[in-house]
């Protein structure tokens, strides 16, 4: 499975997503990372170019609902059908609203690396 991890928007902190990338690599996954401050179009273009199976959005800025809505709309407009997940600084009360926007999974604040790896293991 090929996973693209991304930092959409203006987040300037990526230590957590790099730790996650390493954990997923150690679990046997092919992981790509977009780097900081990517637009929705940049993320989706890279996902298509690299033929990834899953896009992971790491959002710490509090803009998770806006970015998820933008991802869903852009994917629909462009006819893109790639699984996607959202994690980061996500309050528990926002999980339901995020899920309605279309990700396959939301990892709220406090999710352990083991849980994320187990989720991806369940997909294979």
Protein backbone atom coordinates (compact mmCIF):
# COMPACT_ATOMS: atom_id res chain seq x y z
CA UNK A 1 0.00 0.00 0.00
CA UNK A 2 1.27 3.45 -0.91
CA UNK A 3 0.36 6.27 1.48
CA UNK A 4 0.81 10.00 0.86
CA UNK A 5 1.07 12.02 4.08
CA UNK A 6 0.49 15.72 3.70
CA UNK A 7 0.45 19.01 5.60
CA UNK A 8 -2.26 21.14 4.01
CA UNK A 9 -2.65 24.81 4.73
CA UNK A 10 -0.36 26.93 6.83
CA UNK A 11 0.74 24.40 9.44
CA UNK A 12 4.41 24.95 10.20
CA UNK A 13 4.94 21.94 12.47
CA UNK A 14 5.61 18.52 10.96
CA UNK A 15 7.44 16.50 13.59
CA UNK A 16 4.35 14.38 14.30
CA UNK A 17 3.67 13.51 10.69
CA UNK A 18 7.33 12.57 10.21
CA UNK A 19 7.14 10.27 13.24
CA UNK A 20 3.98 8.73 11.77
CA UNK A 21 5.68 8.30 8.40
CA UNK A 22 8.53 6.43 10.05
CA UNK A 23 6.14 4.17 12.00
CA UNK A 24 4.24 3.33 8.82
CA UNK A 25 7.48 2.64 6.94
CA UNK A 26 8.61 0.32 9.74
CA UNK A 27 5.25 -1.47 9.41
CA UNK A 28 6.06 -2.13 5.74
CA UNK A 29 4.18 0.63 3.95
CA UNK A 30 5.49 2.79 1.13
CA UNK A 31 5.12 6.32 2.50
CA UNK A 32 5.56 9.62 0.70
CA UNK A 33 5.47 13.02 2.38
CA UNK A 34 4.46 16.25 0.64
CA UNK A 35 6.24 18.62 2.98
CA UNK A 36 4.76 21.68 4.66
CA UNK A 37 2.16 24.18 3.48
CA UNK A 38 0.67 22.35 0.51
CA UNK A 39 -2.51 23.34 -1.25
CA UNK A 40 -5.31 20.87 -1.85
CA UNK A 41 -4.48 20.82 -5.56
CA UNK A 42 -0.78 20.17 -4.89
CA UNK A 43 -1.67 17.26 -2.60
CA UNK A 44 -4.13 15.75 -5.07
CA UNK A 45 -1.76 16.22 -8.01
CA UNK A 46 0.99 14.38 -6.14
CA UNK A 47 -1.44 11.64 -5.09
CA UNK A 48 -2.43 11.06 -8.72
CA UNK A 49 1.13 11.31 -10.04
CA UNK A 50 2.42 8.83 -7.45
CA UNK A 51 -0.64 6.56 -7.72
CA UNK A 52 -1.19 6.37 -4.00
CA UNK A 53 -3.81 4.25 -2.30
CA UNK A 54 -4.49 6.58 0.62
CA UNK A 55 -3.99 10.28 1.35
CA UNK A 56 -3.36 11.21 4.97
CA UNK A 57 -3.97 14.82 5.99
CA UNK A 58 -2.17 15.98 9.12
CA UNK A 59 -3.80 19.19 10.36
CA UNK A 60 -2.79 21.05 13.50
CA UNK A 61 -4.02 24.54 12.67
CA UNK A 62 -7.68 24.14 13.65
CA UNK A 63 -8.78 24.38 10.02
CA UNK A 64 -9.55 20.65 9.68
CA UNK A 65 -13.23 21.12 8.78
CA UNK A 66 -12.50 23.74 6.13
CA UNK A 67 -9.64 21.76 4.60
CA UNK A 68 -11.62 18.50 4.62
CA UNK A 69 -14.54 20.24 2.92
CA UNK A 70 -12.16 21.67 0.32
CA UNK A 71 -10.54 18.26 -0.30
CA UNK A 72 -13.94 16.60 -0.74
CA UNK A 73 -15.22 19.30 -3.13
CA UNK A 74 -12.01 19.31 -5.18
CA UNK A 75 -11.95 15.53 -5.39
CA UNK A 76 -15.59 15.50 -6.52
CA UNK A 77 -15.00 18.30 -9.05
CA UNK A 78 -11.95 16.52 -10.48
CA UNK A 79 -13.45 13.01 -10.36
CA UNK A 80 -10.74 11.74 -8.02
CA UNK A 81 -11.50 8.60 -6.06
CA UNK A 82 -8.70 8.00 -3.57
CA UNK A 83 -9.24 6.99 0.04
CA UNK A 84 -8.28 9.66 2.55
CA UNK A 85 -7.91 10.04 6.29
CA UNK A 86 -7.53 13.04 8.59
CA UNK A 87 -5.55 13.34 11.80
CA UNK A 88 -3.82 15.86 13.97
CA UNK A 89 -5.21 18.37 16.41
CA UNK A 90 -8.79 17.19 15.96
CA UNK A 91 -11.16 17.69 18.91
CA UNK A 92 -13.39 14.68 19.61
CA UNK A 93 -16.51 16.79 19.03
CA UNK A 94 -15.43 17.40 15.40
CA UNK A 95 -15.00 13.74 14.43
CA UNK A 96 -18.63 13.23 13.37
CA UNK A 97 -18.69 16.41 11.28
CA UNK A 98 -15.42 15.43 9.62
CA UNK A 99 -16.67 11.93 8.81
CA UNK A 100 -19.67 13.45 7.03
CA UNK A 101 -17.23 15.20 4.69
CA UNK A 102 -15.96 11.87 3.38
CA UNK A 103 -12.70 10.67 4.89
CA UNK A 104 -12.49 6.95 5.58
CA UNK A 105 -11.15 7.56 9.07
CA UNK A 106 -10.49 10.42 11.48
CA UNK A 107 -7.72 10.22 14.07
CA UNK A 108 -8.55 12.75 16.81
CA UNK A 109 -6.16 14.35 19.27
CA UNK A 110 -4.54 11.70 21.46
CA UNK A 111 -4.55 8.89 18.89
CA UNK A 112 -1.56 6.63 19.41
CA UNK A 113 0.77 5.64 16.55
CA UNK A 114 -0.15 2.00 17.17
CA UNK A 115 -3.81 2.77 16.43
CA UNK A 116 -2.95 4.39 13.11
CA UNK A 117 -0.72 1.50 12.06
CA UNK A 118 -3.43 -0.99 13.10
CA UNK A 119 -5.95 0.90 10.97
CA UNK A 120 -3.74 0.61 7.89
CA UNK A 121 -3.07 -3.06 8.70
CA UNK A 122 -6.84 -3.63 8.68
CA UNK A 123 -7.01 -2.34 5.10
CA UNK A 124 -4.62 -4.93 3.70
